[in-house]
Amino acid sequence: MDSGPGGVHVERRGPVVWIRIDRPERRNAYDLAMARTMIAAFEDAADADAVVLTGAGGAFCAGGALDQLDDPDPGRLRALFTASLRLVDAIRACPRPVIAAVDGPAAGGGNELVVACDFAIATRRSTFGQTGPRVGSAGVLGATNMLTVQIGEKRAKEMAMLCRRYTAEQALALGLINEVVDDGGLEEAVGRWIAEIRALSPRYLEIAKISSNQWWHQSADNMNTGLGMLVQAIGSEDMREGARAFLERRAPDFRGARAATDAAPEGGRP
């Protein structure tokens, strides 16, 4: 197994590349170094038959790390947001089929990784959903655009705006994932899918995949615009309050935090 920096492990199992996010203490939320490692792994997987993206320690991925949002560094956050866009684009641009193997929560940007993958298989204990407005952010890299194509506009808005959680069975019914398996049966199920993929023409699989990216490419302008708006909101009180509440494991008080900011004397804090 090749260990990438910052908690990402890239492993070649014969003709299959496994990319495992390994930061279970923070539910596999990724930082800039981890995002760059994953991007490189997808770009280097062109000679594989398939790529599997998964998480360690009972979680899939909680998206980008929130530990710096309560006192944000605009430059670092801009770099993380940009890398997140490059990551989902790398999944779509990878010429090989990419399978999300989900065991545990896929939340926020982690849910958007599922949206970006070609196929998704999940254990029964897995959950799915966006975190956006609940933590002072918005899911602009799949959840507010491409997800509509996958599950329909009303359901996509429900997921992206209301931040509800969905069981694996519900995600299957919505069309977000392809199969639900018993807990402990994930790798066996992934093996079945890979065997099916390996019986097919790699050349024409690539043609089918790249051709099916039509809707993703049509969402590109929307993703870039959304990313620009997120960058402009860096340091906003809603972002700070969402991050503080997440780290303190409490419900956020966006209106109270905003009112306190509005009441502050000009040029300083109350």
C-alpha atoms as a PDB file:
ATOM      1  CA  MET A   1       0.000   0.000   0.000  1.00  0.00           C
ATOM      2  CA  ASP A   2       1.255   3.478  -0.889  1.00  0.00           C
ATOM      3  CA  SER A   3       0.459   6.033   1.810  1.00  0.00           C
ATOM      4  CA  GLY A   4      -0.177   9.533   0.573  1.00  0.00           C
ATOM      5  CA  PRO A   5       0.406  12.569   2.794  1.00  0.00           C
ATOM      6  CA  GLY A   6      -2.288  13.760   5.157  1.00  0.00           C
ATOM      7  CA  GLY A   7      -4.382  10.644   5.620  1.00  0.00           C
ATOM      8  CA  VAL A   8      -5.032   9.319   2.105  1.00  0.00           C
ATOM      9  CA  HIS A   9      -3.895   5.811   1.183  1.00  0.00           C
ATOM     10  CA  VAL A  10      -3.582   4.788  -2.464  1.00  0.00           C
ATOM     11  CA  GLU A  11      -3.330   1.072  -3.118  1.00  0.00           C
ATOM     12  CA  ARG A  12      -3.002  -0.905  -6.347  1.00  0.00           C
ATOM     13  CA  ARG A  13      -4.813  -4.222  -6.149  1.00  0.00           C
ATOM     14  CA  GLY A  14      -3.916  -5.713  -9.490  1.00  0.00           C
ATOM     15  CA  PRO A  15      -5.786  -3.695 -12.114  1.00  0.00           C
ATOM     16  CA  VAL A  16      -7.826  -1.705  -9.560  1.00  0.00           C
ATOM     17  CA  VAL A  17      -6.809   1.462  -7.703  1.00  0.00           C
ATOM     18  CA  TRP A  18      -8.250   1.904  -4.199  1.00  0.00           C
ATOM     19  CA  ILE A  19      -8.213   5.415  -2.732  1.00  0.00           C
ATOM     20  CA  ARG A  20      -8.969   5.361   0.980  1.00  0.00           C
ATOM     21  CA  ILE A  21      -9.555   8.515   3.027  1.00  0.00           C
ATOM     22  CA  ASP A  22      -8.170   7.866   6.500  1.00  0.00           C
ATOM     23  CA  ARG A  23      -8.899  10.573   9.037  1.00  0.00           C
ATOM     24  CA  PRO A  24     -11.592   8.804  11.116  1.00  0.00           C
ATOM     25  CA  GLU A  25     -11.147  11.169  14.081  1.00  0.00           C
ATOM     26  CA  ARG A  26     -12.779  13.867  11.949  1.00  0.00           C
ATOM     27  CA  ARG A  27     -15.016  11.556   9.914  1.00  0.00           C
ATOM     28  CA  ASN A  28     -12.551  11.643   7.034  1.00  0.00           C
ATOM     29  CA  ALA A  29     -12.938  15.342   6.332  1.00  0.00           C
ATOM     30  CA  TYR A  30     -10.115  16.230   3.959  1.00  0.00           C
ATOM     31  CA  ASP A  31      -7.669  19.127   4.028  1.00  0.00           C
ATOM     32  CA  LEU A  32      -5.739  20.689   1.149  1.00  0.00           C
ATOM     33  CA  ALA A  33      -2.921  18.131   1.153  1.00  0.00           C
ATOM     34  CA  MET A  34      -5.417  15.238   1.167  1.00  0.00           C
ATOM     35  CA  ALA A  35      -7.401  16.761  -1.694  1.00  0.00           C
ATOM     36  CA  ARG A  36      -4.242  17.134  -3.764  1.00  0.00           C
ATOM     37  CA  THR A  37      -3.254  13.535  -3.056  1.00  0.00           C
ATOM     38  CA  MET A  38      -6.643  12.290  -4.245  1.00  0.00           C
ATOM     39  CA  ILE A  39      -6.503  14.448  -7.383  1.00  0.00           C
ATOM     40  CA  ALA A  40      -3.098  12.992  -8.267  1.00  0.00           C
ATOM     41  CA  ALA A  41      -4.343   9.452  -7.614  1.00  0.00           C
ATOM     42  CA  PHE A  42      -7.279   9.849  -9.991  1.00  0.00           C
ATOM     43  CA  GLU A  43      -5.042  11.428 -12.636  1.00  0.00           C
ATOM     44  CA  ASP A  44      -2.570   8.546 -12.294  1.00  0.00           C
ATOM     45  CA  ALA A  45      -5.247   5.842 -12.595  1.00  0.00           C
ATOM     46  CA  ALA A  46      -5.714   6.023 -16.364  1.00  0.00           C
ATOM     47  CA  ASP A  47      -4.110   2.587 -16.800  1.00  0.00           C
ATOM     48  CA  ALA A  48      -6.355   0.891 -14.214  1.00  0.00           C
ATOM     49  CA  ASP A  49      -9.533  -1.039 -14.966  1.00  0.00           C
ATOM     50  CA  ALA A  50     -11.480   0.763 -12.234  1.00  0.00           C
ATOM     51  CA  VAL A  51     -11.015   3.090  -9.274  1.00  0.00           C
ATOM     52  CA  VAL A  52     -12.631   2.707  -5.848  1.00  0.00           C
ATOM     53  CA  LEU A  53     -13.025   5.670  -3.493  1.00  0.00           C
ATOM     54  CA  THR A  54     -13.765   4.770   0.122  1.00  0.00           C
ATOM     55  CA  GLY A  55     -13.229   5.864   3.726  1.00  0.00           C
ATOM     56  CA  ALA A  56     -11.717   4.313   6.844  1.00  0.00           C
ATOM     57  CA  GLY A  57     -12.974   3.922  10.391  1.00  0.00           C
ATOM     58  CA  GLY A  58     -16.723   3.750   9.853  1.00  0.00           C
ATOM     59  CA  ALA A  59     -17.168   6.898   7.765  1.00  0.00           C
ATOM     60  CA  PHE A  60     -16.987   7.745   4.090  1.00  0.00           C
ATOM     61  CA  CYS A  61     -16.220  11.474   4.084  1.00  0.00           C
ATOM     62  CA  ALA A  62     -17.459  14.643   5.780  1.00  0.00           C
ATOM     63  CA  GLY A  63     -16.187  16.933   3.020  1.00  0.00           C
ATOM     64  CA  GLY A  64     -13.678  19.710   3.540  1.00  0.00           C
ATOM     65  CA  ALA A  65     -12.252  20.142   7.046  1.00  0.00           C
ATOM     66  CA  LEU A  66     -14.121  22.742   9.132  1.00  0.00           C
ATOM     67  CA  ASP A  67     -11.505  23.230  11.824  1.00  0.00           C
ATOM     68  CA  GLN A  68     -10.320  26.571  10.433  1.00  0.00           C
ATOM     69  CA  LEU A  69     -13.629  28.174   9.501  1.00  0.00           C
ATOM     70  CA  ASP A  70     -14.207  29.844  12.862  1.00  0.00           C
ATOM     71  CA  ASP A  71     -11.002  31.869  12.301  1.00  0.00           C
ATOM     72  CA  PRO A  72     -10.537  31.529   8.566  1.00  0.00           C
ATOM     73  CA  ASP A  73      -7.416  32.165   6.548  1.00  0.00           C
ATOM     74  CA  PRO A  74      -8.853  33.400   3.218  1.00  0.00           C
ATOM     75  CA  GLY A  75      -5.866  32.201   1.199  1.00  0.00           C
ATOM     76  CA  ARG A  76      -5.930  28.675   2.601  1.00  0.00           C
ATOM     77  CA  LEU A  77      -9.695  28.384   2.276  1.00  0.00           C
ATOM     78  CA  ARG A  78      -9.627  29.644  -1.284  1.00  0.00           C
ATOM     79  CA  ALA A  79      -7.029  26.952  -2.043  1.00  0.00           C
ATOM     80  CA  LEU A  80      -9.151  24.245  -0.360  1.00  0.00           C
ATOM     81  CA  PHE A  81     -12.308  25.303  -2.245  1.00  0.00           C
ATOM     82  CA  THR A  82     -10.413  25.322  -5.539  1.00  0.00           C
ATOM     83  CA  ALA A  83      -8.876  21.922  -4.815  1.00  0.00           C
ATOM     84  CA  SER A  84     -12.346  20.546  -4.016  1.00  0.00           C
ATOM     85  CA  LEU A  85     -13.544  21.603  -7.465  1.00  0.00           C
ATOM     86  CA  ARG A  86     -10.459  20.032  -9.034  1.00  0.00           C
ATOM     87  CA  LEU A  87     -11.154  16.839  -7.069  1.00  0.00           C
ATOM     88  CA  VAL A  88     -14.703  16.321  -8.318  1.00  0.00           C
ATOM     89  CA  ASP A  89     -13.556  17.216 -11.835  1.00  0.00           C
ATOM     90  CA  ALA A  90     -10.738  14.638 -11.545  1.00  0.00           C
ATOM     91  CA  ILE A  91     -13.305  11.959 -10.701  1.00  0.00           C
ATOM     92  CA  ARG A  92     -15.359  12.845 -13.763  1.00  0.00           C
ATOM     93  CA  ALA A  93     -12.315  13.187 -16.037  1.00  0.00           C
ATOM     94  CA  CYS A  94     -10.769   9.872 -14.952  1.00  0.00           C
ATOM     95  CA  PRO A  95     -11.182   7.582 -17.985  1.00  0.00           C
ATOM     96  CA  ARG A  96     -11.882   4.579 -15.769  1.00  0.00           C
ATOM     97  CA  PRO A  97     -15.164   3.896 -13.931  1.00  0.00           C
ATOM     98  CA  VAL A  98     -15.055   5.278 -10.370  1.00  0.00           C
ATOM     99  CA  ILE A  99     -17.019   3.474  -7.638  1.00  0.00           C
ATOM    100  CA  ALA A 100     -17.853   5.144  -4.329  1.00  0.00           C
ATOM    101  CA  ALA A 101     -17.731   2.407  -1.671  1.00  0.00           C
ATOM    102  CA  VAL A 102     -19.624   3.980   1.217  1.00  0.00           C
ATOM    103  CA  ASP A 103     -19.593   2.607   4.756  1.00  0.00           C
ATOM    104  CA  GLY A 104     -20.880   5.216   7.179  1.00  0.00           C
ATOM    105  CA  PRO A 105     -21.771   8.901   6.778  1.00  0.00           C
ATOM    106  CA  ALA A 106     -21.287  10.704   3.466  1.00  0.00           C
ATOM    107  CA  ALA A 107     -21.944  14.305   4.436  1.00  0.00           C
ATOM    108  CA  GLY A 108     -21.503  17.707   2.823  1.00  0.00           C
ATOM    109  CA  GLY A 109     -18.612  17.592   0.392  1.00  0.00           C
ATOM    110  CA  GLY A 110     -18.429  13.841   1.020  1.00  0.00           C
ATOM    111  CA  ASN A 111     -21.949  13.489  -0.341  1.00  0.00           C
ATOM    112  CA  GLU A 112     -20.845  15.520  -3.364  1.00  0.00           C
ATOM    113  CA  LEU A 113     -18.035  13.015  -3.940  1.00  0.00           C
ATOM    114  CA  VAL A 114     -20.757  10.365  -4.213  1.00  0.00           C
ATOM    115  CA  VAL A 115     -22.572  12.581  -6.728  1.00  0.00           C
ATOM    116  CA  ALA A 116     -19.363  12.857  -8.779  1.00  0.00           C
ATOM    117  CA  CYS A 117     -18.600   9.104  -8.835  1.00  0.00           C
ATOM    118  CA  ASP A 118     -19.927   6.928 -11.650  1.00  0.00           C
ATOM    119  CA  PHE A 119     -21.379   4.301  -9.314  1.00  0.00           C
ATOM    120  CA  ALA A 120     -22.019   4.098  -5.582  1.00  0.00           C
ATOM    121  CA  ILE A 121     -22.458   1.070  -3.321  1.00  0.00           C
ATOM    122  CA  ALA A 122     -23.320   1.526   0.349  1.00  0.00           C
ATOM    123  CA  THR A 123     -23.756  -0.524   3.497  1.00  0.00           C
ATOM    124  CA  ARG A 124     -27.067  -0.371   5.335  1.00  0.00           C
ATOM    125  CA  ARG A 125     -25.574   1.711   8.138  1.00  0.00           C
ATOM    126  CA  SER A 126     -24.484   4.435   5.716  1.00  0.00           C
ATOM    127  CA  THR A 127     -26.182   7.829   5.602  1.00  0.00           C
ATOM    128  CA  PHE A 128     -26.185  10.604   3.039  1.00  0.00           C
ATOM    129  CA  GLY A 129     -26.890  14.321   2.990  1.00  0.00           C
ATOM    130  CA  GLN A 130     -25.618  17.846   2.651  1.00  0.00           C
ATOM    131  CA  THR A 131     -24.568  20.084   5.523  1.00  0.00           C
ATOM    132  CA  GLY A 132     -24.385  23.464   3.744  1.00  0.00           C
ATOM    133  CA  PRO A 133     -26.741  26.029   5.330  1.00  0.00           C
ATOM    134  CA  ARG A 134     -26.619  24.065   8.584  1.00  0.00           C
ATOM    135  CA  VAL A 135     -22.899  24.812   9.028  1.00  0.00           C
ATOM    136  CA  GLY A 136     -22.640  28.142   7.246  1.00  0.00           C
ATOM    137  CA  SER A 137     -21.841  26.959   3.730  1.00  0.00           C
ATOM    138  CA  ALA A 138     -23.504  25.668   0.555  1.00  0.00           C
ATOM    139  CA  GLY A 139     -22.906  22.581  -1.581  1.00  0.00           C
ATOM    140  CA  VAL A 140     -22.053  24.180  -4.926  1.00  0.00           C
ATOM    141  CA  LEU A 141     -19.869  21.355  -6.314  1.00  0.00           C
ATOM    142  CA  GLY A 142     -22.584  18.902  -7.242  1.00  0.00           C
ATOM    143  CA  ALA A 143     -25.389  19.285  -4.711  1.00  0.00           C
ATOM    144  CA  THR A 144     -26.906  22.463  -6.152  1.00  0.00           C
ATOM    145  CA  ASN A 145     -26.490  21.500  -9.797  1.00  0.00           C
ATOM    146  CA  MET A 146     -25.624  17.938 -10.882  1.00  0.00           C
ATOM    147  CA  LEU A 147     -27.663  16.356  -8.078  1.00  0.00           C
ATOM    148  CA  THR A 148     -30.814  17.712  -9.764  1.00  0.00           C
ATOM    149  CA  VAL A 149     -30.059  15.556 -12.812  1.00  0.00           C
ATOM    150  CA  GLN A 150     -29.617  12.485 -10.614  1.00  0.00           C
ATOM    151  CA  ILE A 151     -32.588  12.705  -8.246  1.00  0.00           C
ATOM    152  CA  GLY A 152     -34.823  15.544  -9.542  1.00  0.00           C
ATOM    153  CA  GLU A 153     -35.026  19.228  -8.663  1.00  0.00           C
ATOM    154  CA  LYS A 154     -37.403  19.098  -5.691  1.00  0.00           C
ATOM    155  CA  ARG A 155     -35.517  16.299  -3.956  1.00  0.00           C
ATOM    156  CA  ALA A 156     -32.159  17.897  -4.729  1.00  0.00           C
ATOM    157  CA  LYS A 157     -33.289  21.195  -3.182  1.00  0.00           C
ATOM    158  CA  GLU A 158     -34.606  19.281  -0.173  1.00  0.00           C
ATOM    159  CA  MET A 159     -31.208  17.682   0.283  1.00  0.00           C
ATOM    160  CA  ALA A 160     -29.063  20.750  -0.471  1.00  0.00           C
ATOM    161  CA  MET A 161     -31.129  23.408   1.298  1.00  0.00           C
ATOM    162  CA  LEU A 162     -32.771  21.635   4.227  1.00  0.00           C
ATOM    163  CA  CYS A 163     -29.777  19.414   5.013  1.00  0.00           C
ATOM    164  CA  ARG A 164     -31.841  16.342   5.837  1.00  0.00           C
ATOM    165  CA  ARG A 165     -30.192  12.953   6.358  1.00  0.00           C
ATOM    166  CA  TYR A 166     -31.093   9.913   4.268  1.00  0.00           C
ATOM    167  CA  THR A 167     -30.566   6.234   4.954  1.00  0.00           C
ATOM    168  CA  ALA A 168     -28.896   4.022   2.395  1.00  0.00           C
ATOM    169  CA  GLU A 169     -32.283   2.568   1.425  1.00  0.00           C
ATOM    170  CA  GLN A 170     -33.686   6.070   0.924  1.00  0.00           C
ATOM    171  CA  ALA A 171     -30.645   7.080  -1.122  1.00  0.00           C
ATOM    172  CA  LEU A 172     -31.170   3.995  -3.301  1.00  0.00           C
ATOM    173  CA  ALA A 173     -34.820   4.893  -3.862  1.00  0.00           C
ATOM    174  CA  LEU A 174     -33.846   8.458  -4.775  1.00  0.00           C
ATOM    175  CA  GLY A 175     -31.302   7.254  -7.340  1.00  0.00           C
ATOM    176  CA  LEU A 176     -28.252   8.659  -5.548  1.00  0.00           C
ATOM    177  CA  ILE A 177     -26.636   5.206  -5.178  1.00  0.00           C
ATOM    178  CA  ASN A 178     -26.770   1.919  -7.098  1.00  0.00           C
ATOM    179  CA  GLU A 179     -26.846  -0.802  -4.459  1.00  0.00           C
ATOM    180  CA  VAL A 180     -27.245  -1.367  -0.721  1.00  0.00           C
ATOM    181  CA  VAL A 181     -25.420  -4.277   0.913  1.00  0.00           C
ATOM    182  CA  ASP A 182     -25.275  -5.714   4.407  1.00  0.00           C
ATOM    183  CA  ASP A 183     -22.764  -4.199   6.801  1.00  0.00           C
ATOM    184  CA  GLY A 184     -19.496  -6.048   6.289  1.00  0.00           C
ATOM    185  CA  GLY A 185     -20.311  -6.978   2.706  1.00  0.00           C
ATOM    186  CA  LEU A 186     -19.005  -3.874   0.955  1.00  0.00           C
ATOM    187  CA  GLU A 187     -15.730  -5.153  -0.493  1.00  0.00           C
ATOM    188  CA  GLU A 188     -17.382  -8.328  -1.777  1.00  0.00           C
ATOM    189  CA  ALA A 189     -20.024  -6.256  -3.542  1.00  0.00           C
ATOM    190  CA  VAL A 190     -17.394  -3.927  -4.993  1.00  0.00           C
ATOM    191  CA  GLY A 191     -15.570  -7.005  -6.273  1.00  0.00           C
ATOM    192  CA  ARG A 192     -18.702  -8.130  -8.128  1.00  0.00           C
ATOM    193  CA  TRP A 193     -19.046  -4.740  -9.795  1.00  0.00           C
ATOM    194  CA  ILE A 194     -15.375  -4.718 -10.756  1.00  0.00           C
ATOM    195  CA  ALA A 195     -15.648  -8.202 -12.262  1.00  0.00           C
ATOM    196  CA  GLU A 196     -18.551  -6.980 -14.377  1.00  0.00           C
ATOM    197  CA  ILE A 197     -16.586  -3.899 -15.460  1.00  0.00           C
ATOM    198  CA  ARG A 198     -13.523  -5.975 -16.373  1.00  0.00           C
ATOM    199  CA  ALA A 199     -15.594  -8.110 -18.749  1.00  0.00           C
ATOM    200  CA  LEU A 200     -16.348  -5.023 -20.849  1.00  0.00           C
ATOM    201  CA  SER A 201     -14.341  -3.088 -23.426  1.00  0.00           C
ATOM    202  CA  PRO A 202     -12.148  -0.477 -21.660  1.00  0.00           C
ATOM    203  CA  ARG A 203     -12.134   1.680 -24.765  1.00  0.00           C
ATOM    204  CA  TYR A 204     -15.887   1.823 -25.109  1.00  0.00           C
ATOM    205  CA  LEU A 205     -16.408   2.168 -21.375  1.00  0.00           C
ATOM    206  CA  GLU A 206     -14.274   5.301 -21.572  1.00  0.00           C
ATOM    207  CA  ILE A 207     -16.277   6.603 -24.524  1.00  0.00           C
ATOM    208  CA  ALA A 208     -19.522   5.952 -22.658  1.00  0.00           C
ATOM    209  CA  LYS A 209     -18.232   7.667 -19.515  1.00  0.00           C
ATOM    210  CA  ILE A 210     -16.859  10.770 -21.214  1.00  0.00           C
ATOM    211  CA  SER A 211     -19.980  11.077 -23.342  1.00  0.00           C
ATOM    212  CA  SER A 212     -22.210  10.838 -20.255  1.00  0.00           C
ATOM    213  CA  ASN A 213     -20.381  13.834 -18.751  1.00  0.00           C
ATOM    214  CA  GLN A 214     -22.564  16.159 -20.840  1.00  0.00           C
ATOM    215  CA  TRP A 215     -24.656  17.228 -17.849  1.00  0.00           C
ATOM    216  CA  TRP A 216     -21.587  17.635 -15.652  1.00  0.00           C
ATOM    217  CA  HIS A 217     -19.967  19.953 -18.185  1.00  0.00           C
ATOM    218  CA  GLN A 218     -23.168  21.972 -18.439  1.00  0.00           C
ATOM    219  CA  SER A 219     -22.935  22.488 -14.672  1.00  0.00           C
ATOM    220  CA  ALA A 220     -19.357  23.794 -14.852  1.00  0.00           C
ATOM    221  CA  ASP A 221     -20.256  27.493 -15.030  1.00  0.00           C
ATOM    222  CA  ASN A 222     -22.663  27.075 -12.133  1.00  0.00           C
ATOM    223  CA  MET A 223     -19.984  25.361 -10.031  1.00  0.00           C
ATOM    224  CA  ASN A 224     -17.431  28.062 -10.733  1.00  0.00           C
ATOM    225  CA  THR A 225     -19.937  30.807  -9.944  1.00  0.00           C
ATOM    226  CA  GLY A 226     -20.940  29.083  -6.717  1.00  0.00           C
ATOM    227  CA  LEU A 227     -17.295  28.649  -5.771  1.00  0.00           C
ATOM    228  CA  GLY A 228     -16.722  32.352  -6.344  1.00  0.00           C
ATOM    229  CA  MET A 229     -19.620  33.212  -4.045  1.00  0.00           C
ATOM    230  CA  LEU A 230     -18.253  30.891  -1.349  1.00  0.00           C
ATOM    231  CA  VAL A 231     -14.890  32.640  -1.573  1.00  0.00           C
ATOM    232  CA  GLN A 232     -16.570  36.026  -1.183  1.00  0.00           C
ATOM    233  CA  ALA A 233     -18.365  34.757   1.939  1.00  0.00           C
ATOM    234  CA  ILE A 234     -15.138  33.716   3.686  1.00  0.00           C
ATOM    235  CA  GLY A 235     -15.086  35.261   7.139  1.00  0.00           C
ATOM    236  CA  SER A 236     -18.825  35.972   7.215  1.00  0.00           C
ATOM    237  CA  GLU A 237     -20.512  35.665  10.597  1.00  0.00           C
ATOM    238  CA  ASP A 238     -22.683  32.832   9.279  1.00  0.00           C
ATOM    239  CA  MET A 239     -19.538  30.871   8.352  1.00  0.00           C
ATOM    240  CA  ARG A 240     -17.936  31.528  11.722  1.00  0.00           C
ATOM    241  CA  GLU A 241     -21.056  30.611  13.701  1.00  0.00           C
ATOM    242  CA  GLY A 242     -21.619  27.446  11.668  1.00  0.00           C
ATOM    243  CA  ALA A 243     -18.041  26.311  12.264  1.00  0.00           C
ATOM    244  CA  ARG A 244     -18.157  27.150  15.977  1.00  0.00           C
ATOM    245  CA  ALA A 245     -21.414  25.250  16.417  1.00  0.00           C
ATOM    246  CA  PHE A 246     -20.059  22.240  14.524  1.00  0.00           C
ATOM    247  CA  LEU A 247     -16.873  22.123  16.594  1.00  0.00           C
ATOM    248  CA  GLU A 248     -18.782  22.669  19.858  1.00  0.00           C
ATOM    249  CA  ARG A 249     -21.406  20.048  18.885  1.00  0.00           C
ATOM    250  CA  ARG A 250     -24.367  22.395  19.314  1.00  0.00           C
ATOM    251  CA  ALA A 251     -27.096  23.855  17.137  1.00  0.00           C
ATOM    252  CA  PRO A 252     -26.015  27.056  15.374  1.00  0.00           C
ATOM    253  CA  ASP A 253     -27.733  30.380  16.104  1.00  0.00           C
ATOM    254  CA  PHE A 254     -27.306  32.213  12.815  1.00  0.00           C
ATOM    255  CA  ARG A 255     -29.846  34.923  13.506  1.00  0.00           C
ATOM    256  CA  GLY A 256     -28.497  35.651  16.980  1.00  0.00           C
ATOM    257  CA  ALA A 257     -24.927  35.802  15.722  1.00  0.00           C
ATOM    258  CA  ARG A 258     -25.938  38.097  12.869  1.00  0.00           C
ATOM    259  CA  ALA A 259     -27.891  40.379  15.195  1.00  0.00           C
ATOM    260  CA  ALA A 260     -24.878  40.703  17.478  1.00  0.00           C
ATOM    261  CA  THR A 261     -22.710  41.651  14.508  1.00  0.00           C
ATOM    262  CA  ASP A 262     -25.242  44.188  13.230  1.00  0.00           C
ATOM    263  CA  ALA A 263     -25.401  45.791  16.679  1.00  0.00           C
ATOM    264  CA  ALA A 264     -21.643  46.223  16.923  1.00  0.00           C
ATOM    265  CA  PRO A 265     -20.303  49.791  16.776  1.00  0.00           C
ATOM    266  CA  GLU A 266     -18.896  50.778  13.390  1.00  0.00           C
ATOM    267  CA  GLY A 267     -15.245  49.805  13.110  1.00  0.00           C
ATOM    268  CA  GLY A 268     -15.219  47.453  16.075  1.00  0.00           C
ATOM    269  CA  ARG A 269     -16.909  44.697  18.042  1.00  0.00           C
ATOM    270  CA  PRO A 270     -19.472  45.223  20.827  1.00  0.00           C
END
